[in-house]
C-alpha atoms as a PDB file:
ATOM      1  CA  MET A   1      -0.911  -5.876 -61.145  1.00  0.00           C
ATOM      2  CA  ASN A   2       0.742  -2.474 -60.923  1.00  0.00           C
ATOM      3  CA  PHE A   3       1.898  -0.577 -57.915  1.00  0.00           C
ATOM      4  CA  SER A   4      -1.230   1.622 -57.530  1.00  0.00           C
ATOM      5  CA  ASN A   5      -3.457  -1.455 -57.424  1.00  0.00           C
ATOM      6  CA  PHE A   6      -1.225  -3.061 -54.799  1.00  0.00           C
ATOM      7  CA  ILE A   7      -1.451   0.052 -52.592  1.00  0.00           C
ATOM      8  CA  SER A   8      -5.218   0.158 -52.983  1.00  0.00           C
ATOM      9  CA  VAL A   9      -5.581  -3.501 -51.949  1.00  0.00           C
ATOM     10  CA  PHE A  10      -3.079  -3.093 -49.144  1.00  0.00           C
ATOM     11  CA  LEU A  11      -4.982  -0.094 -47.710  1.00  0.00           C
ATOM     12  CA  LYS A  12      -8.278  -1.948 -47.888  1.00  0.00           C
ATOM     13  CA  ILE A  13      -6.781  -4.831 -45.922  1.00  0.00           C
ATOM     14  CA  LEU A  14      -5.304  -2.591 -43.305  1.00  0.00           C
ATOM     15  CA  THR A  15      -8.435  -0.544 -42.735  1.00  0.00           C
ATOM     16  CA  ASN A  16     -10.611  -3.631 -42.481  1.00  0.00           C
ATOM     17  CA  LYS A  17     -12.360  -3.770 -39.034  1.00  0.00           C
ATOM     18  CA  THR A  18     -11.637  -7.442 -38.456  1.00  0.00           C
ATOM     19  CA  VAL A  19      -7.935  -7.037 -39.212  1.00  0.00           C
ATOM     20  CA  ILE A  20      -7.620  -4.131 -36.793  1.00  0.00           C
ATOM     21  CA  ILE A  21      -9.457  -5.996 -33.995  1.00  0.00           C
ATOM     22  CA  THR A  22      -7.410  -9.092 -34.592  1.00  0.00           C
ATOM     23  CA  THR A  23      -4.152  -7.120 -34.493  1.00  0.00           C
ATOM     24  CA  VAL A  24      -5.108  -5.449 -31.215  1.00  0.00           C
ATOM     25  CA  LEU A  25      -6.138  -8.771 -29.638  1.00  0.00           C
ATOM     26  CA  VAL A  26      -2.897 -10.487 -30.754  1.00  0.00           C
ATOM     27  CA  PHE A  27      -0.858  -7.604 -29.345  1.00  0.00           C
ATOM     28  CA  LEU A  28      -2.738  -7.760 -25.960  1.00  0.00           C
ATOM     29  CA  TYR A  29      -2.300 -11.547 -25.827  1.00  0.00           C
ATOM     30  CA  ILE A  30       1.435 -11.344 -26.502  1.00  0.00           C
ATOM     31  CA  ASP A  31       1.795  -8.576 -23.929  1.00  0.00           C
ATOM     32  CA  PHE A  32      -0.029 -10.701 -21.337  1.00  0.00           C
ATOM     33  CA  ILE A  33       2.163 -13.734 -22.106  1.00  0.00           C
ATOM     34  CA  CYS A  34       5.323 -11.658 -21.621  1.00  0.00           C
ATOM     35  CA  TYR A  35       3.976 -10.355 -18.333  1.00  0.00           C
ATOM     36  CA  VAL A  36       3.307 -13.792 -17.037  1.00  0.00           C
ATOM     37  CA  ALA A  37       6.776 -14.988 -18.188  1.00  0.00           C
ATOM     38  CA  ARG A  38       8.640 -12.285 -16.254  1.00  0.00           C
ATOM     39  CA  TYR A  39       6.333 -12.087 -13.257  1.00  0.00           C
ATOM     40  CA  ARG A  40       8.174 -12.411  -9.910  1.00  0.00           C
ATOM     41  CA  LYS A  41       6.164 -12.802  -6.706  1.00  0.00           C
ATOM     42  CA  LYS A  42       7.301 -10.523  -3.964  1.00  0.00           C
ATOM     43  CA  PRO A  43       8.728 -12.432  -1.000  1.00  0.00           C
ATOM     44  CA  PRO A  44       6.350 -12.455   1.954  1.00  0.00           C
ATOM     45  CA  ARG A  45       7.117  -9.850   4.565  1.00  0.00           C
ATOM     46  CA  PRO A  46       7.451 -11.095   8.132  1.00  0.00           C
ATOM     47  CA  LYS A  47       4.570  -9.999  10.274  1.00  0.00           C
ATOM     48  CA  VAL A  48       5.497  -7.268  12.655  1.00  0.00           C
ATOM     49  CA  LYS A  49       4.162  -7.858  16.118  1.00  0.00           C
ATOM     50  CA  LYS A  50       2.759  -4.817  17.818  1.00  0.00           C
ATOM     51  CA  VAL A  51       4.814  -3.932  20.793  1.00  0.00           C
ATOM     52  CA  ALA A  52       2.809  -2.947  23.863  1.00  0.00           C
ATOM     53  CA  ALA A  53       3.565   0.506  25.220  1.00  0.00           C
ATOM     54  CA  PRO A  54       6.184   0.426  27.979  1.00  0.00           C
ATOM     55  CA  ALA A  55       5.104   0.749  31.494  1.00  0.00           C
ATOM     56  CA  PRO A  56       5.416   4.236  32.964  1.00  0.00           C
ATOM     57  CA  ALA A  57       8.857   4.834  34.450  1.00  0.00           C
ATOM     58  CA  ALA A  58       9.051   4.609  38.201  1.00  0.00           C
ATOM     59  CA  ALA A  59      10.498   7.443  40.223  1.00  0.00           C
ATOM     60  CA  PRO A  60      14.353   7.213  40.241  1.00  0.00           C
ATOM     61  CA  ALA A  61      15.885   5.818  43.409  1.00  0.00           C
ATOM     62  CA  GLU A  62      18.059   8.143  45.463  1.00  0.00           C
ATOM     63  CA  ASP A  63      20.915   5.712  46.297  1.00  0.00           C
ATOM     64  CA  GLU A  64      21.996   4.806  42.759  1.00  0.00           C
ATOM     65  CA  GLY A  65      25.489   6.195  42.800  1.00  0.00           C
ATOM     66  CA  GLY A  66      27.320   8.480  40.352  1.00  0.00           C
ATOM     67  CA  GLU A  67      27.469   8.672  36.604  1.00  0.00           C
ATOM     68  CA  ASP A  68      28.941   5.195  36.118  1.00  0.00           C
ATOM     69  CA  GLY A  69      25.887   3.639  37.687  1.00  0.00           C
ATOM     70  CA  GLY A  70      28.258   2.489  40.346  1.00  0.00           C
ATOM     71  CA  GLY A  71      27.421   1.698  43.861  1.00  0.00           C
ATOM     72  CA  GLU A  72      29.097  -1.009  45.786  1.00  0.00           C
ATOM     73  CA  GLU A  73      29.633  -3.340  42.785  1.00  0.00           C
ATOM     74  CA  SER A  74      31.843  -0.836  40.841  1.00  0.00           C
ATOM     75  CA  ALA A  75      34.098   0.095  43.768  1.00  0.00           C
ATOM     76  CA  GLU A  76      36.522  -2.844  43.984  1.00  0.00           C
ATOM     77  CA  ASP A  77      39.750  -2.298  46.030  1.00  0.00           C
END
């Protein structure tokens, strides 16, 4: 068997429909197995509770004191 016959047989094998389909299926199977092997499930996220809208602010009181929010409690002598 010389080199030209070898090339001819080799090309007939590679262009065979069953060989091509089998090669693609084996590749997809190996790819799927690798995906399953390295799959990491994401940790579950804690559920965020919906916060109710805050109640409307009441009108500010007139006897609150100065900037420090003082009043009688903050004025110690």
